[in-house]
Amino acid sequence: MKIHADLTQRVVVDSTELDWVPSPMAGVERRMLERDGEEVARATSLVRYAPGSAFSSHNHDLGEEFLVLDGVFSDETGDFPKGMYVRNPPGSHHVPSSEPGAVILVKLRQMRPDDDTFVRVNTLDPTGWQAGRPGESILPLHVRPDEEVVMLDWERGTRFAEQDFPGGAEYFVVEGSFEDKDGRYEQGTWMRLPPGSRQKIETASGARLWRKTGHLDTPDR
C-alpha cells in the first residue's frame, strides 16, 4: 500500500475529511496520512482507540513516536493523557490500550537505528517552553543533528519571514490555523514539505502545531 509515499512531494491532508479505517484489532481505527507498506509499514496516521480497546503486543523495529490529541493512551510504562509526546526507539515493544478512549498522531518506522532515546514530554506543561521568533513560543521535544521535533505556539496576527527547510518539514495543526502562499491550514491538517522547500507563514487566528524538520533528507529511513 502506498499513500503519499513519495517523500520528494509536497502533501497537504485535511485529516478531518478522511474516513476511519478499521485496524486488525477491534475498536482501533486509523486515518492514514502517509503509508509505504502493508500492516508493517512506514506510516504516519491518526489512530483512534475506542473506550476499553487494546492492541496486541508488538515490536517497533524502527521506532515509533506519537502525540496524544485526545483521551488517555496507555501501555505497560504508564498512562499518557492529552498533550503527551512519547518516543519509543528502535527495538522497543509495548502493549497499547485505552480505558477511556484516545486519539493519537503516530509515526512508525521512521527513526534511525542509532536513535535509542525514550522521550516523554507533557506539552501542556508550561515548563520548558522557550521564546522563539517574535510571536512564537517553542517547546523542544527531541533534537538530533539530523532531526528536530518541537511544539510551536504562534500568537494571533503573527507573520514570519520566509524560512528554508533543507531537510524538509512536517506539520500537524493541533489548534488554530495558519496560512502560506498556497493556502490556509486548519486544525487537523497534516503537511509535508520536501527537502529544499521554502515557506513564508502567517496566522490570523494563532495556532499550536507539532513540527518535525530535517528528517526527510535521510534516504535510509
Protein backbone atom coordinates (compact mmCIF):
# COMPACT_ATOMS: atom_id res chain seq x y z
CA MET A 1 0.00 0.00 0.00
CA LYS A 2 1.31 3.43 -0.92
CA ILE A 3 -0.31 6.65 0.32
CA HIS A 4 1.67 9.86 -0.23
CA ALA A 5 4.76 7.63 -0.14
CA ASP A 6 6.96 9.80 -2.39
CA LEU A 7 8.92 11.89 0.12
CA THR A 8 10.04 14.32 -2.60
CA GLN A 9 6.46 15.60 -2.99
CA ARG A 10 4.65 18.32 -1.04
CA VAL A 11 1.50 16.95 0.59
CA VAL A 12 -1.36 18.61 2.48
CA VAL A 13 -4.08 16.44 4.05
CA ASP A 14 -7.11 17.64 5.99
CA SER A 15 -7.42 14.64 8.30
CA THR A 16 -10.98 15.59 9.26
CA GLU A 17 -12.10 14.66 5.73
CA LEU A 18 -10.68 11.12 5.87
CA ASP A 19 -12.64 8.02 6.78
CA TRP A 20 -11.69 6.00 9.84
CA VAL A 21 -10.37 2.64 8.59
CA PRO A 22 -10.57 -0.44 10.88
CA SER A 23 -7.26 -1.92 12.00
CA PRO A 24 -6.70 -5.65 12.64
CA MET A 25 -7.73 -5.09 16.29
CA ALA A 26 -11.37 -4.46 17.22
CA GLY A 27 -12.01 -0.93 18.44
CA VAL A 28 -8.86 0.55 16.89
CA GLU A 29 -9.25 2.65 13.73
CA ARG A 30 -6.90 4.74 11.59
CA ARG A 31 -6.87 7.73 9.31
CA MET A 32 -3.87 7.16 7.05
CA LEU A 33 -1.87 10.28 6.19
CA GLU A 34 1.10 8.56 4.56
CA ARG A 35 1.99 4.91 4.20
CA ASP A 36 4.57 2.77 2.43
CA GLY A 37 3.89 -0.92 3.11
CA GLU A 38 1.14 -3.19 4.33
CA GLU A 39 0.45 -3.85 8.03
CA VAL A 40 4.16 -3.41 8.81
CA ALA A 41 4.86 -0.07 7.13
CA ARG A 42 6.50 3.28 7.28
CA ALA A 43 3.40 5.23 8.27
CA THR A 44 2.01 8.46 9.62
CA SER A 45 -1.56 8.12 10.89
CA LEU A 46 -4.20 9.27 13.28
CA VAL A 47 -5.21 6.29 15.41
CA ARG A 48 -8.44 6.19 17.41
CA TYR A 49 -8.91 3.80 20.33
CA ALA A 50 -12.47 3.13 21.44
CA PRO A 51 -13.01 3.04 25.23
CA GLY A 52 -11.68 -0.23 26.60
CA SER A 53 -9.84 -1.21 23.42
CA ALA A 54 -6.30 -2.57 23.18
CA PHE A 55 -3.73 -3.64 20.61
CA SER A 56 -1.72 -6.83 20.88
CA SER A 57 1.91 -6.77 22.00
CA HIS A 58 4.22 -5.72 19.18
CA ASN A 59 7.76 -4.57 18.48
CA HIS A 60 8.89 -1.31 16.89
CA ASP A 61 11.96 -2.33 14.90
CA LEU A 62 12.42 1.20 13.58
CA GLY A 63 10.72 3.04 16.43
CA GLU A 64 7.52 4.98 16.94
CA GLU A 65 6.58 8.44 18.14
CA PHE A 66 3.16 9.79 18.97
CA LEU A 67 1.32 12.83 20.29
CA VAL A 68 -1.87 12.25 22.28
CA LEU A 69 -4.54 14.52 20.80
CA ASP A 70 -7.47 13.40 22.96
CA GLY A 71 -8.26 10.98 25.77
CA VAL A 72 -5.70 8.80 27.54
CA PHE A 73 -3.37 6.33 25.81
CA SER A 74 -1.74 3.65 27.97
CA ASP A 75 0.82 0.89 27.86
CA GLU A 76 2.81 -1.01 30.47
CA THR A 77 5.07 2.03 31.02
CA GLY A 78 2.25 4.37 32.05
CA ASP A 79 -0.78 6.45 31.15
CA PHE A 80 -0.39 9.28 28.65
CA PRO A 81 -3.15 11.90 28.66
CA LYS A 82 -3.91 14.54 26.06
CA GLY A 83 -0.83 16.61 25.26
CA MET A 84 1.77 13.91 25.93
CA TYR A 85 4.52 13.39 23.34
CA VAL A 86 6.06 9.91 23.51
CA ARG A 87 9.00 8.48 21.63
CA ASN A 88 9.87 4.76 21.75
CA PRO A 89 13.15 3.97 19.97
CA PRO A 90 14.02 1.15 17.57
CA GLY A 91 13.82 -2.25 19.25
CA SER A 92 11.19 -1.22 21.79
CA HIS A 93 7.92 -3.07 22.32
CA HIS A 94 4.67 -2.49 24.19
CA VAL A 95 1.01 -3.43 24.63
CA PRO A 96 -1.05 -0.29 23.92
CA SER A 97 -4.58 0.26 25.21
CA SER A 98 -7.01 2.96 26.28
CA GLU A 99 -9.58 2.68 29.04
CA PRO A 100 -11.45 5.97 28.31
CA GLY A 101 -10.57 6.08 24.60
CA ALA A 102 -7.90 8.12 22.82
CA VAL A 103 -6.81 9.69 19.56
CA ILE A 104 -3.11 9.89 18.75
CA LEU A 105 -0.95 11.19 15.91
CA VAL A 106 1.58 8.40 15.39
CA LYS A 107 4.62 7.88 13.17
CA LEU A 108 6.04 4.38 12.66
CA ARG A 109 9.34 3.05 11.28
CA GLN A 110 10.89 6.48 10.73
CA MET A 111 13.84 6.51 13.15
CA ARG A 112 17.48 5.80 12.58
CA PRO A 113 18.77 2.59 14.17
CA ASP A 114 21.15 4.54 16.45
CA ASP A 115 18.38 6.73 17.91
CA ASP A 116 17.99 4.99 21.27
CA THR A 117 16.25 7.72 23.31
CA PHE A 118 12.95 7.23 25.14
CA VAL A 119 11.09 10.56 25.36
CA ARG A 120 8.11 11.57 27.50
CA VAL A 121 7.09 15.26 27.37
CA ASN A 122 3.87 16.85 28.60
CA THR A 123 3.32 19.58 26.03
CA LEU A 124 0.56 21.14 28.17
CA ASP A 125 3.03 21.87 30.98
CA PRO A 126 4.29 25.47 30.54
CA THR A 127 7.70 24.46 31.90
CA GLY A 128 10.24 24.09 29.10
CA TRP A 129 8.63 26.43 26.60
CA GLN A 130 11.10 28.95 25.17
CA ALA A 131 10.83 32.24 23.29
CA GLY A 132 11.37 31.85 19.56
CA ARG A 133 10.86 34.44 16.86
CA PRO A 134 8.62 37.40 17.74
CA GLY A 135 5.14 35.98 18.29
CA GLU A 136 6.40 32.41 18.72
CA SER A 137 6.98 30.04 21.63
CA ILE A 138 8.83 26.73 21.17
CA LEU A 139 8.88 23.52 23.19
CA PRO A 140 11.74 21.22 22.12
CA LEU A 141 10.67 17.57 22.11
CA HIS A 142 13.60 15.73 20.53
CA VAL A 143 16.70 17.16 18.85
CA ARG A 144 19.39 15.32 16.90
CA PRO A 145 21.82 16.53 14.21
CA ASP A 146 19.54 15.07 11.52
CA GLU A 147 16.15 15.86 13.11
CA GLU A 148 14.32 18.36 15.31
CA VAL A 149 10.85 17.80 16.77
CA VAL A 150 9.11 20.70 18.51
CA MET A 151 5.75 22.10 19.53
CA LEU A 152 5.07 25.64 18.35
CA ASP A 153 2.68 28.29 19.66
CA TRP A 154 2.06 31.20 17.31
CA GLU A 155 0.27 34.31 18.52
CA ARG A 156 -2.72 35.75 16.70
CA GLY A 157 -1.73 38.07 13.84
CA THR A 158 1.89 36.85 13.64
CA ARG A 159 3.84 36.95 10.36
CA PHE A 160 7.21 35.26 9.87
CA ALA A 161 9.98 35.82 7.34
CA GLU A 162 10.47 33.13 4.72
CA GLN A 163 12.17 30.03 6.16
CA ASP A 164 14.33 27.42 4.43
CA PHE A 165 13.88 23.70 5.12
CA PRO A 166 16.91 21.95 3.55
CA GLY A 167 15.93 18.65 5.19
CA GLY A 168 12.19 19.04 4.73
CA ALA A 169 9.45 19.58 7.30
CA GLU A 170 6.21 18.12 8.63
CA TYR A 171 3.43 19.91 10.50
CA PHE A 172 0.28 18.82 12.27
CA VAL A 173 -2.10 21.61 13.30
CA VAL A 174 -3.28 20.85 16.83
CA GLU A 175 -5.23 24.08 17.35
CA GLY A 176 -5.99 27.20 15.31
CA SER A 177 -4.82 27.69 11.74
CA PHE A 178 -2.06 29.24 9.63
CA GLU A 179 -1.54 30.37 6.05
CA ASP A 180 1.18 30.42 3.40
CA LYS A 181 1.09 31.42 -0.27
CA ASP A 182 -0.56 28.13 -1.21
CA GLY A 183 -3.47 28.11 1.22
CA ARG A 184 -4.89 28.06 4.72
CA TYR A 185 -4.41 25.09 7.05
CA GLU A 186 -6.96 24.42 9.77
CA GLN A 187 -6.90 22.25 12.89
CA GLY A 188 -6.33 18.63 11.91
CA THR A 189 -4.20 19.41 8.84
CA TRP A 190 -1.04 17.39 8.20
CA MET A 191 1.53 18.90 5.85
CA ARG A 192 4.80 17.53 4.47
CA LEU A 193 7.34 19.77 2.73
CA PRO A 194 10.15 18.01 0.82
CA PRO A 195 13.85 18.84 1.25
CA GLY A 196 14.78 22.21 -0.20
CA SER A 197 11.39 23.81 0.48
CA ARG A 198 10.91 27.44 1.46
CA GLN A 199 7.86 28.76 3.26
CA LYS A 200 6.54 32.13 4.46
CA ILE A 201 3.91 31.78 7.17
CA GLU A 202 1.36 33.99 8.86
CA THR A 203 -1.52 33.24 11.23
CA ALA A 204 -4.56 35.43 11.70
CA SER A 205 -6.09 33.25 14.42
CA GLY A 206 -3.00 31.95 16.20
CA ALA A 207 -2.02 28.29 16.17
CA ARG A 208 -0.45 25.42 18.08
CA LEU A 209 1.44 22.90 15.96
CA TRP A 210 3.64 19.83 16.14
CA ARG A 211 6.57 20.16 13.71
CA LYS A 212 9.43 17.91 12.65
CA THR A 213 12.28 19.13 10.43
CA GLY A 214 15.46 17.75 8.88
CA HIS A 215 14.44 14.10 8.74
CA LEU A 216 13.32 13.90 5.11
CA ASP A 217 16.87 14.44 3.85
CA THR A 218 17.88 10.97 5.10
CA PRO A 219 17.42 8.35 2.35
CA ASP A 220 17.83 5.26 4.54
CA ARG A 221 14.63 5.82 6.54
